[in-house]
Amino acid sequence: MVGLSTGYNKLYVRKEDGSALKLSIWYFLNDTLLAVDAINNPKAFVLGTKFIKDGSAVNTDKLVDATVPFKPLELLA
């Protein structure tokens, strides 16, 4: 896990295609990313760390859509 999930009011789950055991849970307070649980998904951990550190705005519609490439430029709002 990266960040602290306490105080969140929105939660989004991204399940990667081809693996039921590879997912990430993204915690937001309004539009601010607070934390990411990365389960068998090191890329989610790295991206979550970057987004939290940079204060990036994440497009949550794209975030939960596994057909959208899991790349920073694809996920930013």
PDB file of N, CA and C in Angstrom:
ATOM      1  N   MET A   1       0.840  -1.172   0.000  1.00  0.00           N
ATOM      2  CA  MET A   1       0.000   0.000   0.000  1.00  0.00           C
ATOM      3  C   MET A   1       0.885   1.234   0.000  1.00  0.00           C
ATOM      4  N   VAL A   2       0.442   2.221  -0.738  1.00  0.00           N
ATOM      5  CA  VAL A   2       1.104   3.522  -0.740  1.00  0.00           C
ATOM      6  C   VAL A   2       0.075   4.556  -0.285  1.00  0.00           C
ATOM      7  N   GLY A   3       0.490   5.474   0.574  1.00  0.00           N
ATOM      8  CA  GLY A   3      -0.410   6.493   1.092  1.00  0.00           C
ATOM      9  C   GLY A   3      -1.220   5.995   2.276  1.00  0.00           C
ATOM     10  N   LEU A   4      -2.116   6.860   2.759  1.00  0.00           N
ATOM     11  CA  LEU A   4      -2.998   6.520   3.876  1.00  0.00           C
ATOM     12  C   LEU A   4      -4.442   6.611   3.416  1.00  0.00           C
ATOM     13  N   SER A   5      -5.190   5.555   3.622  1.00  0.00           N
ATOM     14  CA  SER A   5      -6.559   5.518   3.105  1.00  0.00           C
ATOM     15  C   SER A   5      -7.587   6.110   4.063  1.00  0.00           C
ATOM     16  N   THR A   6      -7.192   6.491   5.252  1.00  0.00           N
ATOM     17  CA  THR A   6      -8.156   7.032   6.210  1.00  0.00           C
ATOM     18  C   THR A   6      -8.745   8.337   5.686  1.00  0.00           C
ATOM     19  N   GLY A   7     -10.048   8.477   5.852  1.00  0.00           N
ATOM     20  CA  GLY A   7     -10.733   9.690   5.435  1.00  0.00           C
ATOM     21  C   GLY A   7     -11.207   9.700   3.988  1.00  0.00           C
ATOM     22  N   TYR A   8     -11.096   8.573   3.290  1.00  0.00           N
ATOM     23  CA  TYR A   8     -11.533   8.545   1.895  1.00  0.00           C
ATOM     24  C   TYR A   8     -13.060   8.567   1.808  1.00  0.00           C
ATOM     25  N   ASN A   9     -13.574   9.088   0.681  1.00  0.00           N
ATOM     26  CA  ASN A   9     -15.019   9.047   0.453  1.00  0.00           C
ATOM     27  C   ASN A   9     -15.370   8.440  -0.906  1.00  0.00           C
ATOM     28  N   LYS A  10     -14.347   8.061  -1.665  1.00  0.00           N
ATOM     29  CA  LYS A  10     -14.559   7.375  -2.946  1.00  0.00           C
ATOM     30  C   LYS A  10     -13.527   6.268  -3.052  1.00  0.00           C
ATOM     31  N   LEU A  11     -13.940   5.137  -3.608  1.00  0.00           N
ATOM     32  CA  LEU A  11     -13.068   3.984  -3.764  1.00  0.00           C
ATOM     33  C   LEU A  11     -13.289   3.411  -5.159  1.00  0.00           C
ATOM     34  N   TYR A  12     -12.200   3.138  -5.865  1.00  0.00           N
ATOM     35  CA  TYR A  12     -12.276   2.578  -7.216  1.00  0.00           C
ATOM     36  C   TYR A  12     -11.393   1.340  -7.289  1.00  0.00           C
ATOM     37  N   VAL A  13     -11.876   0.321  -7.979  1.00  0.00           N
ATOM     38  CA  VAL A  13     -11.125  -0.920  -8.137  1.00  0.00           C
ATOM     39  C   VAL A  13     -10.805  -1.114  -9.612  1.00  0.00           C
ATOM     40  N   ARG A  14      -9.537  -1.404  -9.892  1.00  0.00           N
ATOM     41  CA  ARG A  14      -9.118  -1.717 -11.258  1.00  0.00           C
ATOM     42  C   ARG A  14      -8.634  -3.162 -11.265  1.00  0.00           C
ATOM     43  N   LYS A  15      -9.306  -3.982 -12.070  1.00  0.00           N
ATOM     44  CA  LYS A  15      -8.902  -5.380 -12.250  1.00  0.00           C
ATOM     45  C   LYS A  15      -8.243  -5.494 -13.611  1.00  0.00           C
ATOM     46  N   GLU A  16      -7.037  -5.997 -13.626  1.00  0.00           N
ATOM     47  CA  GLU A  16      -6.303  -6.130 -14.881  1.00  0.00           C
ATOM     48  C   GLU A  16      -6.831  -7.308 -15.680  1.00  0.00           C
ATOM     49  N   ASP A  17      -6.955  -7.124 -16.985  1.00  0.00           N
ATOM     50  CA  ASP A  17      -7.401  -8.198 -17.866  1.00  0.00           C
ATOM     51  C   ASP A  17      -6.451  -9.384 -17.779  1.00  0.00           C
ATOM     52  N   GLY A  18      -7.032 -10.572 -17.782  1.00  0.00           N
ATOM     53  CA  GLY A  18      -6.240 -11.795 -17.820  1.00  0.00           C
ATOM     54  C   GLY A  18      -5.793 -12.311 -16.463  1.00  0.00           C
ATOM     55  N   SER A  19      -6.110 -11.581 -15.399  1.00  0.00           N
ATOM     56  CA  SER A  19      -5.691 -12.052 -14.091  1.00  0.00           C
ATOM     57  C   SER A  19      -6.649 -11.573 -13.015  1.00  0.00           C
ATOM     58  N   ALA A  20      -7.363 -12.508 -12.423  1.00  0.00           N
ATOM     59  CA  ALA A  20      -8.287 -12.171 -11.345  1.00  0.00           C
ATOM     60  C   ALA A  20      -7.534 -11.776 -10.076  1.00  0.00           C
ATOM     61  N   LEU A  21      -6.261 -12.154  -9.998  1.00  0.00           N
ATOM     62  CA  LEU A  21      -5.491 -11.882  -8.797  1.00  0.00           C
ATOM     63  C   LEU A  21      -4.616 -10.641  -8.906  1.00  0.00           C
ATOM     64  N   LYS A  22      -4.745  -9.897  -9.991  1.00  0.00           N
ATOM     65  CA  LYS A  22      -3.953  -8.683 -10.190  1.00  0.00           C
ATOM     66  C   LYS A  22      -4.914  -7.506 -10.224  1.00  0.00           C
ATOM     67  N   LEU A  23      -4.936  -6.754  -9.133  1.00  0.00           N
ATOM     68  CA  LEU A  23      -5.862  -5.629  -9.055  1.00  0.00           C
ATOM     69  C   LEU A  23      -5.292  -4.537  -8.180  1.00  0.00           C
ATOM     70  N   SER A  24      -5.952  -3.394  -8.212  1.00  0.00           N
ATOM     71  CA  SER A  24      -5.566  -2.281  -7.355  1.00  0.00           C
ATOM     72  C   SER A  24      -6.821  -1.567  -6.877  1.00  0.00           C
ATOM     73  N   ILE A  25      -6.731  -1.057  -5.667  1.00  0.00           N
ATOM     74  CA  ILE A  25      -7.834  -0.329  -5.055  1.00  0.00           C
ATOM     75  C   ILE A  25      -7.328   1.085  -4.790  1.00  0.00           C
ATOM     76  N   TRP A  26      -8.048   2.053  -5.331  1.00  0.00           N
ATOM     77  CA  TRP A  26      -7.636   3.462  -5.292  1.00  0.00           C
ATOM     78  C   TRP A  26      -8.590   4.242  -4.394  1.00  0.00           C
ATOM     79  N   TYR A  27      -8.039   4.930  -3.405  1.00  0.00           N
ATOM     80  CA  TYR A  27      -8.821   5.665  -2.412  1.00  0.00           C
ATOM     81  C   TYR A  27      -8.691   7.173  -2.647  1.00  0.00           C
ATOM     82  N   PHE A  28      -9.832   7.846  -2.719  1.00  0.00           N
ATOM     83  CA  PHE A  28      -9.861   9.289  -2.973  1.00  0.00           C
ATOM     84  C   PHE A  28     -10.657  10.008  -1.888  1.00  0.00           C
ATOM     85  N   LEU A  29     -10.266  11.235  -1.616  1.00  0.00           N
ATOM     86  CA  LEU A  29     -11.084  12.175  -0.872  1.00  0.00           C
ATOM     87  C   LEU A  29     -11.493  13.221  -1.893  1.00  0.00           C
ATOM     88  N   ASN A  30     -12.746  13.159  -2.304  1.00  0.00           N
ATOM     89  CA  ASN A  30     -13.251  13.950  -3.431  1.00  0.00           C
ATOM     90  C   ASN A  30     -12.418  13.602  -4.663  1.00  0.00           C
ATOM     91  N   ASP A  31     -11.619  14.520  -5.190  1.00  0.00           N
ATOM     92  CA  ASP A  31     -10.812  14.225  -6.380  1.00  0.00           C
ATOM     93  C   ASP A  31      -9.329  14.049  -6.063  1.00  0.00           C
ATOM     94  N   THR A  32      -8.997  13.993  -4.792  1.00  0.00           N
ATOM     95  CA  THR A  32      -7.600  13.871  -4.375  1.00  0.00           C
ATOM     96  C   THR A  32      -7.280  12.418  -4.038  1.00  0.00           C
ATOM     97  N   LEU A  33      -6.286  11.881  -4.730  1.00  0.00           N
ATOM     98  CA  LEU A  33      -5.848  10.508  -4.467  1.00  0.00           C
ATOM     99  C   LEU A  33      -5.119  10.446  -3.130  1.00  0.00           C
ATOM    100  N   LEU A  34      -5.596   9.577  -2.239  1.00  0.00           N
ATOM    101  CA  LEU A  34      -5.002   9.414  -0.919  1.00  0.00           C
ATOM    102  C   LEU A  34      -4.090   8.204  -0.819  1.00  0.00           C
ATOM    103  N   ALA A  35      -4.533   7.075  -1.416  1.00  0.00           N
ATOM    104  CA  ALA A  35      -3.803   5.820  -1.223  1.00  0.00           C
ATOM    105  C   ALA A  35      -4.151   4.820  -2.317  1.00  0.00           C
ATOM    106  N   VAL A  36      -3.280   3.828  -2.469  1.00  0.00           N
ATOM    107  CA  VAL A  36      -3.499   2.745  -3.426  1.00  0.00           C
ATOM    108  C   VAL A  36      -3.084   1.431  -2.768  1.00  0.00           C
ATOM    109  N   ASP A  37      -3.973   0.453  -2.789  1.00  0.00           N
ATOM    110  CA  ASP A  37      -3.634  -0.923  -2.439  1.00  0.00           C
ATOM    111  C   ASP A  37      -3.328  -1.628  -3.749  1.00  0.00           C
ATOM    112  N   ALA A  38      -2.112  -2.094  -3.905  1.00  0.00           N
ATOM    113  CA  ALA A  38      -1.701  -2.773  -5.128  1.00  0.00           C
ATOM    114  C   ALA A  38      -1.511  -4.257  -4.818  1.00  0.00           C
ATOM    115  N   ILE A  39      -2.408  -5.087  -5.326  1.00  0.00           N
ATOM    116  CA  ILE A  39      -2.383  -6.516  -5.048  1.00  0.00           C
ATOM    117  C   ILE A  39      -1.826  -7.239  -6.277  1.00  0.00           C
ATOM    118  N   ASN A  40      -0.643  -7.804  -6.115  1.00  0.00           N
ATOM    119  CA  ASN A  40       0.061  -8.461  -7.233  1.00  0.00           C
ATOM    120  C   ASN A  40       0.209  -7.524  -8.419  1.00  0.00           C
ATOM    121  N   ASN A  41       0.373  -6.234  -8.146  1.00  0.00           N
ATOM    122  CA  ASN A  41       0.403  -5.240  -9.215  1.00  0.00           C
ATOM    123  C   ASN A  41       1.435  -4.153  -8.890  1.00  0.00           C
ATOM    124  N   PRO A  42       2.710  -4.433  -9.131  1.00  0.00           N
ATOM    125  CA  PRO A  42       3.738  -3.438  -8.820  1.00  0.00           C
ATOM    126  C   PRO A  42       3.599  -2.149  -9.627  1.00  0.00           C
ATOM    127  N   LYS A  43       3.046  -2.233 -10.819  1.00  0.00           N
ATOM    128  CA  LYS A  43       2.869  -1.023 -11.628  1.00  0.00           C
ATOM    129  C   LYS A  43       1.880  -0.062 -10.960  1.00  0.00           C
ATOM    130  N   ALA A  44       0.821  -0.595 -10.361  1.00  0.00           N
ATOM    131  CA  ALA A  44      -0.141   0.245  -9.643  1.00  0.00           C
ATOM    132  C   ALA A  44       0.533   0.921  -8.458  1.00  0.00           C
ATOM    133  N   PHE A  45       1.424   0.210  -7.784  1.00  0.00           N
ATOM    134  CA  PHE A  45       2.156   0.792  -6.664  1.00  0.00           C
ATOM    135  C   PHE A  45       3.013   1.960  -7.133  1.00  0.00           C
ATOM    136  N   VAL A  46       3.736   1.769  -8.227  1.00  0.00           N
ATOM    137  CA  VAL A  46       4.615   2.815  -8.759  1.00  0.00           C
ATOM    138  C   VAL A  46       3.791   4.016  -9.232  1.00  0.00           C
ATOM    139  N   LEU A  47       2.721   3.757  -9.999  1.00  0.00           N
ATOM    140  CA  LEU A  47       1.897   4.862 -10.488  1.00  0.00           C
ATOM    141  C   LEU A  47       1.209   5.586  -9.340  1.00  0.00           C
ATOM    142  N   GLY A  48       0.699   4.843  -8.375  1.00  0.00           N
ATOM    143  CA  GLY A  48       0.055   5.465  -7.224  1.00  0.00           C
ATOM    144  C   GLY A  48       1.016   6.360  -6.468  1.00  0.00           C
ATOM    145  N   THR A  49       2.232   5.875  -6.258  1.00  0.00           N
ATOM    146  CA  THR A  49       3.253   6.677  -5.583  1.00  0.00           C
ATOM    147  C   THR A  49       3.515   7.973  -6.342  1.00  0.00           C
ATOM    148  N   LYS A  50       3.669   7.873  -7.654  1.00  0.00           N
ATOM    149  CA  LYS A  50       3.924   9.055  -8.482  1.00  0.00           C
ATOM    150  C   LYS A  50       2.749  10.027  -8.431  1.00  0.00           C
ATOM    151  N   PHE A  51       1.530   9.514  -8.602  1.00  0.00           N
ATOM    152  CA  PHE A  51       0.354  10.387  -8.609  1.00  0.00           C
ATOM    153  C   PHE A  51       0.157  11.085  -7.270  1.00  0.00           C
ATOM    154  N   ILE A  52       0.367  10.364  -6.173  1.00  0.00           N
ATOM    155  CA  ILE A  52       0.203  10.966  -4.846  1.00  0.00           C
ATOM    156  C   ILE A  52       1.286  12.019  -4.614  1.00  0.00           C
ATOM    157  N   LYS A  53       2.525  11.679  -4.922  1.00  0.00           N
ATOM    158  CA  LYS A  53       3.645  12.597  -4.717  1.00  0.00           C
ATOM    159  C   LYS A  53       3.480  13.875  -5.536  1.00  0.00           C
ATOM    160  N   ASP A  54       3.024  13.740  -6.785  1.00  0.00           N
ATOM    161  CA  ASP A  54       2.876  14.887  -7.681  1.00  0.00           C
ATOM    162  C   ASP A  54       1.555  15.630  -7.490  1.00  0.00           C
ATOM    163  N   GLY A  55       0.630  15.043  -6.736  1.00  0.00           N
ATOM    164  CA  GLY A  55      -0.696  15.657  -6.586  1.00  0.00           C
ATOM    165  C   GLY A  55      -1.483  15.638  -7.883  1.00  0.00           C
ATOM    166  N   SER A  56      -1.256  14.624  -8.695  1.00  0.00           N
ATOM    167  CA  SER A  56      -1.882  14.519 -10.018  1.00  0.00           C
ATOM    168  C   SER A  56      -3.382  14.268  -9.926  1.00  0.00           C
ATOM    169  N   ALA A  57      -4.110  14.834 -10.886  1.00  0.00           N
ATOM    170  CA  ALA A  57      -5.541  14.569 -11.011  1.00  0.00           C
ATOM    171  C   ALA A  57      -5.711  13.328 -11.881  1.00  0.00           C
ATOM    172  N   VAL A  58      -6.385  12.317 -11.346  1.00  0.00           N
ATOM    173  CA  VAL A  58      -6.557  11.043 -12.039  1.00  0.00           C
ATOM    174  C   VAL A  58      -7.963  10.968 -12.618  1.00  0.00           C
ATOM    175  N   ASN A  59      -8.054  10.540 -13.872  1.00  0.00           N
ATOM    176  CA  ASN A  59      -9.349  10.319 -14.517  1.00  0.00           C
ATOM    177  C   ASN A  59      -9.866   8.958 -14.048  1.00  0.00           C
ATOM    178  N   THR A  60     -10.842   8.965 -13.147  1.00  0.00           N
ATOM    179  CA  THR A  60     -11.301   7.721 -12.538  1.00  0.00           C
ATOM    180  C   THR A  60     -12.076   6.834 -13.511  1.00  0.00           C
ATOM    181  N   ASP A  61     -12.698   7.424 -14.525  1.00  0.00           N
ATOM    182  CA  ASP A  61     -13.375   6.601 -15.535  1.00  0.00           C
ATOM    183  C   ASP A  61     -12.361   5.747 -16.285  1.00  0.00           C
ATOM    184  N   LYS A  62     -11.237   6.346 -16.634  1.00  0.00           N
ATOM    185  CA  LYS A  62     -10.182   5.597 -17.322  1.00  0.00           C
ATOM    186  C   LYS A  62      -9.479   4.634 -16.369  1.00  0.00           C
ATOM    187  N   LEU A  63      -9.348   5.049 -15.122  1.00  0.00           N
ATOM    188  CA  LEU A  63      -8.667   4.224 -14.129  1.00  0.00           C
ATOM    189  C   LEU A  63      -9.326   2.855 -13.978  1.00  0.00           C
ATOM    190  N   VAL A  64     -10.634   2.807 -13.931  1.00  0.00           N
ATOM    191  CA  VAL A  64     -11.332   1.532 -13.704  1.00  0.00           C
ATOM    192  C   VAL A  64     -11.549   0.729 -14.988  1.00  0.00           C
ATOM    193  N   ASP A  65     -11.246   1.320 -16.132  1.00  0.00           N
ATOM    194  CA  ASP A  65     -11.429   0.657 -17.425  1.00  0.00           C
ATOM    195  C   ASP A  65     -10.154  -0.094 -17.795  1.00  0.00           C
ATOM    196  N   ALA A  66     -10.160  -1.406 -17.663  1.00  0.00           N
ATOM    197  CA  ALA A  66      -8.967  -2.217 -17.920  1.00  0.00           C
ATOM    198  C   ALA A  66      -8.539  -2.206 -19.385  1.00  0.00           C
ATOM    199  N   THR A  67      -9.385  -1.695 -20.281  1.00  0.00           N
ATOM    200  CA  THR A  67      -8.983  -1.597 -21.687  1.00  0.00           C
ATOM    201  C   THR A  67      -8.112  -0.372 -21.939  1.00  0.00           C
ATOM    202  N   VAL A  68      -8.109   0.577 -20.995  1.00  0.00           N
ATOM    203  CA  VAL A  68      -7.250   1.756 -21.102  1.00  0.00           C
ATOM    204  C   VAL A  68      -5.861   1.361 -20.627  1.00  0.00           C
ATOM    205  N   PRO A  69      -4.827   1.646 -21.426  1.00  0.00           N
ATOM    206  CA  PRO A  69      -3.468   1.278 -21.016  1.00  0.00           C
ATOM    207  C   PRO A  69      -3.114   1.872 -19.647  1.00  0.00           C
ATOM    208  N   PHE A  70      -2.438   1.082 -18.844  1.00  0.00           N
ATOM    209  CA  PHE A  70      -2.076   1.474 -17.480  1.00  0.00           C
ATOM    210  C   PHE A  70      -0.774   2.276 -17.519  1.00  0.00           C
ATOM    211  N   LYS A  71      -0.880   3.497 -18.072  1.00  0.00           N
ATOM    212  CA  LYS A  71       0.261   4.393 -18.235  1.00  0.00           C
ATOM    213  C   LYS A  71      -0.130   5.766 -17.696  1.00  0.00           C
ATOM    214  N   PRO A  72       0.825   6.498 -17.142  1.00  0.00           N
ATOM    215  CA  PRO A  72       0.492   7.797 -16.534  1.00  0.00           C
ATOM    216  C   PRO A  72      -0.286   8.737 -17.448  1.00  0.00           C
ATOM    217  N   LEU A  73       0.176   8.935 -18.661  1.00  0.00           N
ATOM    218  CA  LEU A  73      -0.503   9.888 -19.552  1.00  0.00           C
ATOM    219  C   LEU A  73      -1.909   9.462 -19.923  1.00  0.00           C
ATOM    220  N   GLU A  74      -2.183   8.167 -19.892  1.00  0.00           N
ATOM    221  CA  GLU A  74      -3.522   7.664 -20.221  1.00  0.00           C
ATOM    222  C   GLU A  74      -4.490   7.863 -19.062  1.00  0.00           C
ATOM    223  N   LEU A  75      -3.983   7.945 -17.835  1.00  0.00           N
ATOM    224  CA  LEU A  75      -4.836   7.970 -16.658  1.00  0.00           C
ATOM    225  C   LEU A  75      -5.050   9.346 -16.043  1.00  0.00           C
ATOM    226  N   LEU A  76      -4.287  10.318 -16.503  1.00  0.00           N
ATOM    227  CA  LEU A  76      -4.423  11.660 -15.932  1.00  0.00           C
ATOM    228  C   LEU A  76      -5.634  12.369 -16.504  1.00  0.00           C
ATOM    229  N   ALA A  77      -6.255  13.207 -15.650  1.00  0.00           N
ATOM    230  CA  ALA A  77      -7.442  13.956 -16.056  1.00  0.00           C
ATOM    231  C   ALA A  77      -7.047  15.162 -16.893  1.00  0.00           C
TER     232      ALA A  77
END
